[in-house]
N, C-alpha and C. Protein backbone atom coordinates (compact mmCIF):
# COMPACT_ATOMS: atom_id res chain seq x y z
N UNK A 1 0.95 -1.07 0.49
CA UNK A 1 -0.22 0.39 -0.13
C UNK A 1 1.27 1.14 0.22
N UNK A 2 0.77 2.12 -1.04
CA UNK A 2 1.08 3.30 -1.04
C UNK A 2 0.67 4.10 0.58
N UNK A 3 2.47 4.79 0.67
CA UNK A 3 2.11 6.40 2.34
C UNK A 3 1.74 7.45 0.24
N UNK A 4 0.88 7.87 1.05
CA UNK A 4 0.20 9.58 -0.11
C UNK A 4 0.65 10.71 1.70
N UNK A 5 0.74 11.54 0.83
CA UNK A 5 1.54 13.08 1.96
C UNK A 5 0.09 13.32 1.19
N UNK A 6 -0.30 14.41 3.03
CA UNK A 6 -1.03 15.54 2.68
C UNK A 6 -0.49 16.54 3.48
N UNK A 7 -1.40 17.96 3.11
CA UNK A 7 -0.73 19.21 3.81
C UNK A 7 -2.24 19.86 3.82
N UNK A 8 -1.98 20.46 5.02
CA UNK A 8 -4.37 21.77 5.38
C UNK A 8 -3.33 23.13 4.69
N UNK A 9 -4.62 22.99 4.44
CA UNK A 9 -4.34 24.87 3.47
C UNK A 9 -4.68 25.69 4.68
N UNK A 10 -4.95 25.11 5.36
CA UNK A 10 -5.59 26.60 6.56
C UNK A 10 -3.87 26.79 7.87
N UNK A 11 -3.66 24.95 8.39
CA UNK A 11 -2.76 26.19 9.28
C UNK A 11 -0.89 25.72 8.50
N UNK A 12 -1.20 24.10 7.15
CA UNK A 12 0.42 24.69 6.82
C UNK A 12 0.79 22.69 7.54
N UNK A 13 0.04 22.29 7.93
CA UNK A 13 0.78 20.82 9.00
C UNK A 13 0.58 19.95 7.54
N UNK A 14 1.74 19.30 7.82
CA UNK A 14 2.05 18.72 5.98
C UNK A 14 2.03 16.89 7.47
N UNK A 15 1.21 15.35 7.45
CA UNK A 15 1.54 14.41 7.18
C UNK A 15 1.51 13.67 6.32
N UNK A 16 1.73 12.59 7.08
CA UNK A 16 1.81 11.65 5.75
C UNK A 16 0.94 9.95 5.88
N UNK A 17 -0.73 10.37 5.32
CA UNK A 17 -1.70 8.82 5.83
C UNK A 17 -0.62 6.85 4.46
N UNK A 18 -0.71 6.15 5.28
CA UNK A 18 -0.42 4.88 5.13
C UNK A 18 -2.19 3.99 4.51
N UNK A 19 -2.43 4.34 2.98
CA UNK A 19 -3.89 3.73 2.25
C UNK A 19 -3.76 3.47 1.41
N UNK A 20 -4.61 2.82 1.53
CA UNK A 20 -4.61 1.58 -0.04
C UNK A 20 -5.09 2.36 -1.15
N UNK A 21 -4.80 2.76 -2.16
CA UNK A 21 -4.87 2.77 -3.62
C UNK A 21 -6.76 3.17 -3.58
N UNK A 22 -7.63 2.20 -3.36
CA UNK A 22 -8.70 2.51 -3.20
C UNK A 22 -9.53 3.74 -3.02
N UNK A 23 -8.48 3.72 -0.80
CA UNK A 23 -9.23 4.56 -0.95
C UNK A 23 -9.05 5.83 -0.83
N UNK A 24 -10.56 6.15 0.00
CA UNK A 24 -10.78 7.70 -0.78
C UNK A 24 -9.37 8.63 0.24
N UNK A 25 -9.48 9.98 -0.68
CA UNK A 25 -8.02 10.85 0.12
C UNK A 25 -8.86 12.21 1.50
N UNK A 26 -8.02 11.36 1.84
CA UNK A 26 -7.96 11.99 3.83
C UNK A 26 -8.78 13.64 3.86
N UNK A 27 -9.51 14.07 4.74
CA UNK A 27 -10.37 15.26 4.30
C UNK A 27 -9.67 16.43 5.31
N UNK A 28 -9.49 15.84 5.98
CA UNK A 28 -9.34 16.57 7.49
C UNK A 28 -8.24 16.84 8.15
N UNK A 29 -7.81 17.53 8.62
CA UNK A 29 -5.87 17.43 9.27
C UNK A 29 -6.19 17.49 10.91
N UNK A 30 -5.60 16.49 11.42
CA UNK A 30 -5.85 16.76 12.63
C UNK A 30 -4.96 16.86 13.40
N UNK A 31 -5.00 17.73 12.96
CA UNK A 31 -3.92 18.87 13.95
C UNK A 31 -5.83 20.09 13.66
N UNK A 32 -6.11 20.58 13.17
CA UNK A 32 -7.31 21.37 13.13
C UNK A 32 -8.55 21.27 13.13
N UNK A 33 -8.56 19.58 12.16
CA UNK A 33 -10.00 19.78 11.24
C UNK A 33 -9.96 20.58 10.21
N UNK A 34 -9.77 20.96 9.77
CA UNK A 34 -10.27 21.88 8.67
C UNK A 34 -9.41 21.22 7.65
N UNK A 35 -9.91 21.86 6.03
CA UNK A 35 -9.36 20.88 4.41
C UNK A 35 -7.78 20.69 4.61
N UNK A 36 -7.57 19.52 3.72
CA UNK A 36 -6.00 19.43 3.30
C UNK A 36 -6.53 19.03 2.39
N UNK A 37 -4.86 18.94 1.52
CA UNK A 37 -5.30 18.53 0.34
C UNK A 37 -3.68 17.25 -0.12
N UNK A 38 -4.13 16.30 -1.03
CA UNK A 38 -3.40 15.48 -1.12
C UNK A 38 -1.75 15.82 -2.30
N UNK A 39 -0.68 15.57 -0.88
CA UNK A 39 0.50 15.67 -1.90
C UNK A 39 1.42 14.85 -3.93
N UNK A 40 1.94 15.78 -4.45
CA UNK A 40 2.23 14.46 -4.98
C UNK A 40 3.87 13.99 -5.18
N UNK A 41 4.32 13.18 -4.83
CA UNK A 41 5.19 13.28 -4.32
C UNK A 41 6.59 12.10 -5.29
N UNK A 42 7.48 11.65 -5.10
CA UNK A 42 7.73 11.12 -6.64
C UNK A 42 8.14 9.29 -5.58
N UNK A 43 7.61 9.35 -4.81
CA UNK A 43 7.82 7.81 -5.16
C UNK A 43 9.17 7.20 -4.40
N UNK A 44 9.04 6.39 -4.62
CA UNK A 44 10.89 5.28 -4.87
C UNK A 44 11.32 5.33 -5.76
N UNK A 45 10.84 5.34 -6.61
CA UNK A 45 11.93 5.35 -7.84
C UNK A 45 11.34 4.08 -8.57
N UNK A 46 11.91 3.43 -10.06
CA UNK A 46 11.83 2.15 -10.26
C UNK A 46 13.20 1.18 -9.94
N UNK A 47 13.12 0.39 -9.63
CA UNK A 47 14.33 -0.83 -9.30
C UNK A 47 14.08 -1.65 -10.34
N UNK A 48 15.48 -1.64 -10.90
CA UNK A 48 16.25 -2.32 -11.70
C UNK A 48 16.41 -3.74 -11.38
N UNK A 49 15.62 -5.12 -10.99
CA UNK A 49 16.07 -6.60 -10.70
C UNK A 49 16.91 -7.49 -11.48
N UNK A 50 16.98 -8.04 -11.63
CA UNK A 50 18.10 -8.97 -12.78
C UNK A 50 18.68 -8.09 -12.97
N UNK A 51 20.06 -9.40 -13.69
CA UNK A 51 20.92 -8.22 -14.25
C UNK A 51 20.81 -8.30 -16.05
N UNK A 52 21.09 -7.51 -16.93
CA UNK A 52 21.24 -6.44 -17.77
C UNK A 52 21.30 -4.85 -17.86
N UNK A 53 21.14 -4.66 -16.22
CA UNK A 53 20.55 -3.13 -15.76
C UNK A 53 21.82 -1.98 -16.44
N UNK A 54 22.61 -3.13 -15.83
CA UNK A 54 23.73 -1.99 -15.46
C UNK A 54 25.62 -2.28 -16.06
N UNK A 55 25.74 -0.70 -17.09
CA UNK A 55 27.15 -0.88 -17.80
C UNK A 55 27.84 -1.97 -17.72
N UNK A 56 28.25 -2.34 -15.98
CA UNK A 56 28.89 -3.59 -15.64
C UNK A 56 28.37 -4.86 -16.24
N UNK A 57 27.25 -5.58 -16.34
CA UNK A 57 26.58 -6.63 -16.93
C UNK A 57 27.24 -7.21 -17.96
N UNK A 58 26.72 -6.49 -18.84
CA UNK A 58 28.19 -6.88 -19.78
C UNK A 58 27.12 -7.84 -20.74
N UNK A 59 26.11 -8.25 -20.21
CA UNK A 59 24.81 -8.97 -21.08
C UNK A 59 25.11 -10.61 -20.04
N UNK A 60 25.95 -10.83 -19.44
CA UNK A 60 26.12 -11.97 -18.65
C UNK A 60 26.01 -12.09 -17.76
N UNK A 61 26.09 -13.34 -16.13
CA UNK A 61 26.00 -13.47 -14.66
C UNK A 61 26.91 -12.48 -14.15
N UNK A 62 25.90 -12.22 -13.36
CA UNK A 62 26.67 -10.90 -13.05
C UNK A 62 26.98 -11.38 -11.82
N UNK A 63 27.04 -13.30 -11.25
CA UNK A 63 28.11 -13.64 -10.03
C UNK A 63 27.95 -14.96 -9.93
N UNK A 64 29.58 -14.63 -10.33
CA UNK A 64 30.34 -15.94 -10.93
C UNK A 64 30.24 -16.34 -12.02
N UNK A 65 30.99 -17.29 -13.15
CA UNK A 65 30.33 -17.91 -13.89
C UNK A 65 30.88 -17.28 -15.55
N UNK A 66 31.53 -17.69 -16.43
CA UNK A 66 31.17 -17.26 -17.44
C UNK A 66 30.76 -15.57 -18.19
N UNK A 67 31.46 -15.33 -18.50
CA UNK A 67 30.42 -13.93 -18.93
C UNK A 67 29.81 -14.29 -20.46
N UNK A 68 28.95 -13.27 -20.54
CA UNK A 68 28.64 -13.28 -21.59
C UNK A 68 29.89 -12.82 -23.05
N UNK A 69 31.02 -11.40 -22.80
CA UNK A 69 31.97 -10.56 -22.58
C UNK A 69 33.29 -11.82 -22.77
N UNK A 70 33.66 -13.36 -22.77
CA UNK A 70 34.21 -14.00 -23.01
C UNK A 70 33.91 -14.91 -23.74
N UNK A 71 32.79 -15.52 -23.78
CA UNK A 71 32.11 -15.61 -25.85
C UNK A 71 32.63 -15.36 -27.62
N UNK A 72 32.21 -14.99 -27.01
CA UNK A 72 32.82 -13.93 -28.76
C UNK A 72 34.48 -14.58 -28.26
N UNK A 73 35.46 -14.07 -27.47
CA UNK A 73 37.25 -14.27 -28.04
C UNK A 73 36.70 -15.81 -27.81
N UNK A 74 36.40 -16.73 -26.90
CA UNK A 74 36.62 -18.11 -27.62
C UNK A 74 35.98 -18.52 -28.90
N UNK A 75 35.21 -18.09 -29.24
CA UNK A 75 34.56 -18.43 -30.65
C UNK A 75 35.36 -18.18 -32.39
N UNK A 76 36.27 -16.44 -31.61
CA UNK A 76 37.15 -16.11 -32.72
C UNK A 76 38.09 -16.93 -32.99
N UNK A 77 38.58 -18.04 -31.87
CA UNK A 77 38.92 -18.76 -31.88
C UNK A 77 39.61 -19.74 -32.87
N UNK A 78 38.06 -20.06 -32.59
CA UNK A 78 37.78 -21.63 -33.72
C UNK A 78 37.74 -21.30 -34.69
N UNK A 79 36.79 -20.57 -34.76
CA UNK A 79 36.54 -20.30 -36.50
C UNK A 79 38.36 -20.06 -37.08
N UNK A 80 37.56 -20.73 -38.32
CA UNK A 80 38.88 -20.84 -39.95
C UNK A 80 39.24 -19.84 -39.59
N UNK A 81 40.72 -19.40 -40.02
CA UNK A 81 40.94 -18.24 -40.51
C UNK A 81 41.50 -17.23 -41.46
N UNK A 82 41.19 -15.92 -41.40
CA UNK A 82 40.99 -14.85 -42.88
C UNK A 82 41.75 -15.98 -43.95
N UNK A 83 41.18 -15.66 -45.20
CA UNK A 83 43.10 -16.02 -46.67
C UNK A 83 43.89 -14.78 -45.60
N UNK A 84 44.54 -15.20 -46.61
CA UNK A 84 45.75 -13.90 -46.22
C UNK A 84 45.15 -13.22 -47.47
N UNK A 85 46.65 -11.74 -47.44
CA UNK A 85 46.11 -11.07 -48.90
C UNK A 85 46.82 -11.66 -49.86
N UNK A 86 48.06 -12.43 -49.96
CA UNK A 86 48.68 -12.67 -50.69
C UNK A 86 47.45 -14.27 -51.77
N UNK A 87 46.89 -14.41 -51.29
CA UNK A 87 46.12 -15.72 -51.38
C UNK A 87 45.08 -15.01 -52.33
N UNK A 88 44.51 -14.03 -51.64
CA UNK A 88 43.67 -13.60 -52.23
C UNK A 88 43.49 -12.70 -53.63
N UNK A 89 44.74 -12.01 -53.55
CA UNK A 89 45.54 -11.23 -54.72
C UNK A 89 45.20 -12.47 -56.24
N UNK A 90 46.33 -13.76 -55.96
CA UNK A 90 46.29 -14.57 -56.50
C UNK A 90 45.21 -14.81 -57.34
N UNK A 91 44.24 -15.54 -56.29
CA UNK A 91 42.62 -15.65 -56.88
C UNK A 91 42.35 -14.24 -57.97
N UNK A 92 42.10 -13.36 -57.45
CA UNK A 92 41.17 -12.66 -58.19
C UNK A 92 42.34 -11.98 -59.78
N UNK A 93 43.99 -12.78 -59.80
CA UNK A 93 43.97 -12.01 -61.06
C UNK A 93 43.93 -13.09 -61.68
N UNK A 94 43.61 -15.15 -61.92
CA UNK A 94 43.24 -15.45 -62.69
C UNK A 94 41.57 -15.39 -62.23
N UNK A 95 41.10 -15.10 -64.16
CA UNK A 95 39.91 -14.59 -63.94
C UNK A 95 39.58 -14.56 -65.31
N UNK A 96 41.17 -15.29 -66.55
CA UNK A 96 40.84 -15.86 -67.65
C UNK A 96 39.74 -16.90 -67.36
N UNK A 97 38.79 -16.64 -68.18
CA UNK A 97 38.18 -18.10 -68.89
C UNK A 97 38.04 -19.60 -69.63
N UNK A 98 37.82 -20.19 -68.74
CA UNK A 98 38.83 -21.72 -68.79
C UNK A 98 38.44 -22.20 -70.23
N UNK A 99 39.33 -23.39 -70.76
CA UNK A 99 39.58 -24.08 -72.07
C UNK A 99 38.55 -24.63 -71.94
N UNK A 100 37.34 -25.76 -72.46
CA UNK A 100 36.53 -26.98 -71.64
C UNK A 100 36.88 -27.91 -72.64
N UNK A 101 36.91 -29.16 -72.57
CA UNK A 101 37.41 -29.86 -73.57
C UNK A 101 35.88 -30.93 -73.96
N UNK A 102 35.71 -31.26 -75.14
CA UNK A 102 34.58 -31.98 -75.27
C UNK A 102 34.96 -33.20 -75.82
C-alpha cells in the first residue's frame, strides 16, 4: 500500500497517511480539523532487478561463472583464419575463362 502525503490548507501541517489505492483521500487535518490537500510526491523510483540493466553487466551473469564477453573471444579462436592477402590477390588475378574439352 502506498504512503500519501497531505498538507493542511489552513495551518500548513503536513503529514503522511498509509492508505490503499482504492481508499478515499483524507479530507480533514488531524491538528486543526480543516481541509487538507493530497500532495504529489516522487515515490521510490524504479527498482531494476536481475541482470542486463547496468554497464558492468555486459549481458552476462553477474555472480560467478563465465560472462557473455568471454564467449566471442573463444568463438573467434575456433573459427578458421581468413585467407591471407597474397592468396586473395592470386585468386583475383586468375579471371580468364577456362577452355573446356569436349
